[in-house]
Protein backbone atom coordinates (compact mmCIF):
# COMPACT_ATOMS: atom_id res chain seq x y z
CA MET A 1 -12.92 -52.71 -34.77
CA LEU A 2 -14.50 -56.50 -34.48
CA LEU A 3 -16.23 -55.47 -31.46
CA ARG A 4 -17.57 -52.53 -33.38
CA GLN A 5 -18.78 -54.50 -36.25
CA LYS A 6 -20.39 -56.86 -33.70
CA GLY A 7 -22.27 -53.91 -32.18
CA GLU A 8 -20.41 -53.96 -28.84
CA HIS A 9 -20.35 -50.51 -28.80
CA ALA A 10 -20.15 -50.33 -24.67
CA ALA A 11 -17.10 -52.64 -24.88
CA VAL A 12 -15.29 -50.72 -27.70
CA GLU A 13 -15.70 -47.18 -26.22
CA PRO A 14 -13.08 -47.13 -23.67
CA LEU A 15 -10.78 -48.65 -25.89
CA TYR A 16 -11.06 -45.92 -28.52
CA ARG A 17 -10.89 -43.62 -25.66
CA GLU A 18 -7.48 -44.72 -24.35
CA ALA A 19 -6.17 -45.02 -28.24
CA LEU A 20 -7.35 -41.38 -28.64
CA ALA A 21 -5.46 -40.35 -25.41
CA LEU A 22 -2.04 -42.02 -25.98
CA ARG A 23 -2.09 -41.23 -29.93
CA ARG A 24 -2.81 -37.27 -28.53
CA ARG A 25 0.30 -37.89 -26.20
CA LEU A 26 2.69 -39.11 -28.81
CA LEU A 27 1.34 -37.22 -32.04
CA GLY A 28 -0.22 -34.21 -30.96
CA GLU A 29 -3.76 -32.86 -31.34
CA GLU A 30 -4.04 -32.79 -35.19
CA HIS A 31 -2.25 -35.64 -36.67
CA PRO A 32 -4.15 -37.33 -39.00
CA GLU A 33 -4.32 -40.40 -37.04
CA VAL A 34 -5.75 -38.52 -33.76
CA LEU A 35 -8.33 -37.26 -36.30
CA SER A 36 -9.13 -40.97 -37.76
CA THR A 37 -9.67 -42.17 -34.34
CA MET A 38 -11.74 -39.02 -33.10
CA ASN A 39 -13.98 -40.01 -36.08
CA ASN A 40 -14.17 -43.69 -34.95
CA LEU A 41 -14.72 -42.69 -31.27
CA ALA A 42 -17.63 -40.32 -32.42
CA VAL A 43 -19.30 -43.02 -34.72
CA VAL A 44 -19.23 -45.63 -31.68
CA LEU A 45 -21.05 -42.69 -29.57
CA HIS A 46 -23.70 -42.31 -32.37
CA GLN A 47 -24.14 -46.30 -32.55
CA LYS A 48 -24.96 -45.78 -28.85
CA GLU A 49 -27.39 -43.40 -29.31
CA ASP A 50 -25.29 -40.84 -27.29
CA TYR A 51 -26.40 -38.46 -30.18
CA ASP A 52 -25.02 -35.28 -28.02
CA GLY A 53 -21.39 -36.46 -27.48
CA ALA A 54 -21.37 -38.01 -31.04
CA GLU A 55 -22.45 -34.51 -32.71
CA SER A 56 -19.50 -32.94 -30.17
CA LEU A 57 -16.84 -34.94 -31.76
CA HIS A 58 -17.96 -35.03 -34.99
CA ARG A 59 -17.92 -31.16 -35.25
CA GLU A 60 -14.56 -31.09 -33.42
CA THR A 61 -13.01 -33.31 -35.94
CA LEU A 62 -14.53 -31.77 -38.49
CA ALA A 63 -13.18 -28.33 -37.65
CA LEU A 64 -9.86 -29.92 -37.29
CA ARG A 65 -9.96 -31.69 -40.44
CA ARG A 66 -10.45 -28.53 -42.01
CA LYS A 67 -7.71 -27.04 -40.64
CA VAL A 68 -5.24 -29.57 -41.17
CA LEU A 69 -6.39 -31.01 -44.43
CA GLY A 70 -8.10 -28.09 -46.20
CA GLU A 71 -11.48 -27.49 -46.66
CA GLU A 72 -11.97 -29.69 -49.94
CA HIS A 73 -10.75 -33.33 -49.11
CA PRO A 74 -12.09 -36.70 -49.04
CA HIS A 75 -11.81 -37.06 -45.52
CA VAL A 76 -13.62 -33.62 -44.69
CA ALA A 77 -16.83 -34.83 -46.73
CA LEU A 78 -16.60 -38.20 -45.00
CA THR A 79 -17.01 -36.21 -41.62
CA LEU A 80 -19.85 -34.15 -42.91
CA THR A 81 -21.19 -37.46 -44.07
CA ASN A 82 -21.13 -39.21 -40.58
CA LEU A 83 -22.47 -36.02 -39.05
CA GLY A 84 -25.09 -36.18 -41.49
CA TRP A 85 -26.01 -39.73 -40.57
CA MET A 86 -25.89 -39.13 -37.20
CA PHE A 87 -28.96 -36.62 -37.35
CA TYR A 88 -30.67 -38.63 -39.79
CA ASP A 89 -30.71 -41.74 -37.00
CA LYS A 90 -31.56 -38.85 -34.47
CA GLY A 91 -34.54 -37.98 -36.76
CA ASP A 92 -33.31 -34.35 -37.05
CA TYR A 93 -34.03 -34.41 -40.74
CA ASP A 94 -33.96 -30.63 -41.19
CA ALA A 95 -30.19 -30.85 -39.79
CA ALA A 96 -29.34 -33.45 -41.67
CA GLU A 97 -30.53 -32.21 -45.17
CA PRO A 98 -27.97 -29.58 -45.51
CA ILE A 99 -24.76 -31.39 -44.42
CA TYR A 100 -25.49 -34.13 -46.88
CA ARG A 101 -25.82 -31.45 -49.89
CA GLU A 102 -22.59 -30.01 -48.65
CA ALA A 103 -21.17 -33.49 -48.68
CA ILE A 104 -22.64 -34.41 -52.03
CA ALA A 105 -21.41 -30.93 -53.50
CA MET A 106 -17.98 -31.52 -52.50
CA ARG A 107 -17.52 -35.45 -53.43
CA ARG A 108 -18.86 -34.18 -56.86
CA ARG A 109 -16.06 -31.63 -56.92
CA LEU A 110 -13.54 -34.29 -55.51
CA PHE A 111 -14.56 -37.24 -57.44
CA GLY A 112 -16.44 -36.37 -60.23
CA ASN A 113 -20.32 -37.31 -61.24
CA GLU A 114 -19.14 -41.27 -60.79
CA HIS A 115 -18.03 -42.46 -57.51
CA PRO A 116 -19.17 -44.61 -54.84
CA GLU A 117 -18.94 -42.59 -52.04
CA LEU A 118 -20.89 -39.78 -54.17
CA ALA A 119 -23.55 -42.49 -54.57
CA LEU A 120 -23.89 -43.14 -51.09
CA SER A 121 -24.37 -39.35 -50.07
CA ILE A 122 -26.72 -39.16 -52.68
CA HIS A 123 -28.86 -42.20 -51.43
CA THR A 124 -28.51 -40.86 -47.81
CA LEU A 125 -29.84 -37.55 -48.92
CA GLY A 126 -32.61 -39.43 -50.40
CA LEU A 127 -33.64 -41.35 -47.44
CA VAL A 128 -33.54 -37.99 -45.44
CA LEU A 129 -35.88 -36.44 -48.18
CA VAL A 130 -38.40 -39.56 -48.12
CA ARG A 131 -38.56 -38.93 -44.21
CA LYS A 132 -39.59 -35.48 -44.74
CA GLY A 133 -42.28 -36.57 -47.30
CA ASP A 134 -40.77 -34.69 -50.13
CA LEU A 135 -41.21 -37.98 -52.31
CA ASP A 136 -40.36 -36.82 -55.75
CA ALA A 137 -37.22 -35.24 -54.93
CA ALA A 138 -36.51 -38.33 -52.85
CA GLU A 139 -37.32 -40.99 -55.85
CA ALA A 140 -34.95 -38.65 -58.25
CA LEU A 141 -31.80 -38.80 -55.73
CA LEU A 142 -32.18 -42.68 -54.84
CA ARG A 143 -32.64 -43.81 -58.53
CA GLU A 144 -29.54 -41.53 -59.52
CA ALA A 145 -27.73 -43.37 -56.40
CA TRP A 146 -29.08 -46.99 -57.73
CA ALA A 147 -27.96 -46.02 -61.20
CA MET A 148 -24.77 -45.03 -60.53
CA ARG A 149 -24.25 -47.86 -58.19
CA LEU A 150 -25.29 -50.62 -60.92
CA LYS A 151 -22.57 -49.05 -63.19
CA LEU A 152 -19.79 -49.05 -60.75
CA LEU A 153 -20.46 -51.74 -58.33
CA GLY A 154 -22.72 -54.11 -60.58
CA GLY A 155 -25.78 -55.91 -60.01
CA GLU A 156 -24.49 -58.40 -57.19
CA HIS A 157 -23.47 -55.67 -54.70
CA ALA A 158 -25.17 -54.80 -51.13
CA ASP A 159 -25.16 -51.33 -51.70
CA VAL A 160 -27.43 -52.34 -54.85
CA ALA A 161 -29.75 -54.02 -52.57
CA ALA A 162 -29.51 -51.10 -50.33
CA SER A 163 -30.95 -49.15 -53.01
CA LEU A 164 -33.80 -51.38 -54.11
CA ARG A 165 -35.02 -51.48 -50.27
CA ALA A 166 -34.87 -47.72 -50.09
CA LEU A 167 -37.17 -47.41 -53.54
CA GLY A 168 -39.26 -49.94 -52.22
CA GLU A 169 -40.05 -48.04 -49.16
CA LEU A 170 -40.46 -45.04 -51.14
CA LEU A 171 -43.29 -46.91 -53.24
CA HIS A 172 -44.87 -48.40 -50.10
CA ARG A 173 -45.20 -44.60 -49.05
CA ARG A 174 -46.74 -43.70 -51.99
CA GLY A 175 -49.28 -46.70 -51.65
CA ASP A 176 -47.64 -48.91 -54.73
CA LEU A 177 -47.67 -52.26 -52.52
CA ALA A 178 -47.17 -54.29 -55.64
CA GLY A 179 -44.23 -52.25 -56.54
CA ALA A 180 -42.87 -51.83 -52.99
CA GLU A 181 -43.55 -55.61 -52.47
CA ARG A 182 -41.23 -56.78 -55.75
CA LEU A 183 -38.27 -53.92 -55.18
CA THR A 184 -38.22 -55.03 -51.48
CA ARG A 185 -38.14 -58.89 -52.11
CA GLU A 186 -35.16 -58.20 -54.84
CA ALA A 187 -33.68 -56.28 -52.01
CA LEU A 188 -33.98 -59.09 -49.39
CA ASP A 189 -32.87 -61.53 -52.06
CA LEU A 190 -30.08 -59.84 -53.00
CA GLY A 191 -28.87 -58.85 -49.68
CA ARG A 192 -29.08 -62.64 -48.53
CA ARG A 193 -26.53 -63.28 -51.41
CA THR A 194 -24.06 -60.40 -50.55
CA LEU A 195 -24.15 -60.02 -47.11
CA PRO A 196 -22.91 -61.80 -43.87
CA GLU A 197 -25.73 -64.39 -42.39
CA ALA A 198 -27.91 -62.31 -39.96
CA HIS A 199 -26.80 -59.26 -41.03
CA PRO A 200 -28.75 -56.14 -39.57
CA ARG A 201 -29.24 -54.90 -43.38
CA THR A 202 -31.18 -58.16 -43.92
CA GLY A 203 -33.13 -57.46 -40.70
CA SER A 204 -34.31 -54.29 -42.10
CA ALA A 205 -35.40 -55.76 -45.36
CA LEU A 206 -37.27 -58.50 -43.67
CA VAL A 207 -39.15 -55.67 -41.73
CA ALA A 208 -39.67 -53.72 -44.70
CA LEU A 209 -41.16 -56.81 -46.71
CA GLY A 210 -43.29 -57.89 -43.39
CA ARG A 211 -44.68 -54.37 -43.35
CA VAL A 212 -45.95 -54.66 -46.97
CA TYR A 213 -47.40 -58.21 -46.61
CA ILE A 214 -49.29 -56.69 -43.34
CA ASP A 215 -50.68 -53.86 -45.60
CA GLN A 216 -51.77 -56.35 -47.97
CA GLY A 217 -53.58 -57.92 -45.37
CA ARG A 218 -51.29 -60.82 -45.65
CA ARG A 219 -50.31 -61.21 -41.90
CA GLY A 220 -49.17 -64.95 -42.38
CA ASP A 221 -46.77 -64.37 -45.00
CA ALA A 222 -45.39 -61.34 -42.70
CA GLU A 223 -45.01 -63.46 -39.58
CA PRO A 224 -42.14 -65.76 -40.38
CA LEU A 225 -40.29 -62.68 -41.67
CA LEU A 226 -40.81 -60.41 -38.79
CA ARG A 227 -39.79 -63.26 -36.47
CA GLU A 228 -36.47 -63.62 -38.35
CA ALA A 229 -36.07 -59.91 -38.18
CA LEU A 230 -36.64 -60.01 -34.59
CA ALA A 231 -33.87 -62.80 -33.85
CA ILE A 232 -31.18 -60.73 -35.95
CA CYS A 233 -32.11 -57.56 -34.22
CA ARG A 234 -31.51 -59.02 -30.71
CA ALA A 235 -28.66 -60.78 -31.61
CA THR A 236 -27.13 -57.28 -33.33
CA TYR A 237 -28.55 -54.81 -30.87
CA GLY A 238 -29.84 -56.82 -27.48
CA PRO A 239 -33.31 -57.25 -26.51
CA THR A 240 -33.97 -53.78 -25.37
CA HIS A 241 -33.01 -51.52 -28.08
CA PRO A 242 -35.27 -49.53 -29.92
CA ARG A 243 -34.48 -50.81 -33.35
CA THR A 244 -35.32 -54.40 -31.88
CA LEU A 245 -38.47 -52.95 -30.23
CA GLU A 246 -39.96 -51.35 -33.27
CA VAL A 247 -40.16 -54.68 -34.94
């Protein structure tokens, strides 16, 4: 787990594969611990950008969790969310959207209309719709998730910062540079207070604010932000990772 948190996916993959093989031998193919290990390995493959491998394993995990746990279970909703996030990172937003909608409907039935995991699913569907250009629907979802997070988690929380950053990006896409700057600056400041130093989410907020400054013609203000973001990405992902190169 520690290696995965540090982004050392190549190192952690064989460990998960070994654990999965051992647990299958000891516990059988359908034991909940086996399914949890499958889920974790699928997330590692996703983070390595082995999208085909991740999709296959997520779908296998989803089918087994539905069989073992039933159609309506928090772990089924979690697997749907992970599968949707994999498609989002892959850039296949048409595939991601219906999966997130299914996860949201399931989490509403399981948890009611106010729950942190529901807020996460609503937030990520909003991100999908931003990428698809449906900004009105995206804004409604992102604001719903933001309000839910504020109520459930309080104002000083990293997930609230993520909501602010997403809304800032949406305003940037609308051409509201002043609004985008205000929300993205607030997201960056809140993230610095609530996340570990040099966290990848901080890097993303730095990039977002830097791009707003560039579009405002403030390249001098953008440069130190983008240099800091580049250092975070190099430390987290390595110098040749697409997220590093995009900075």
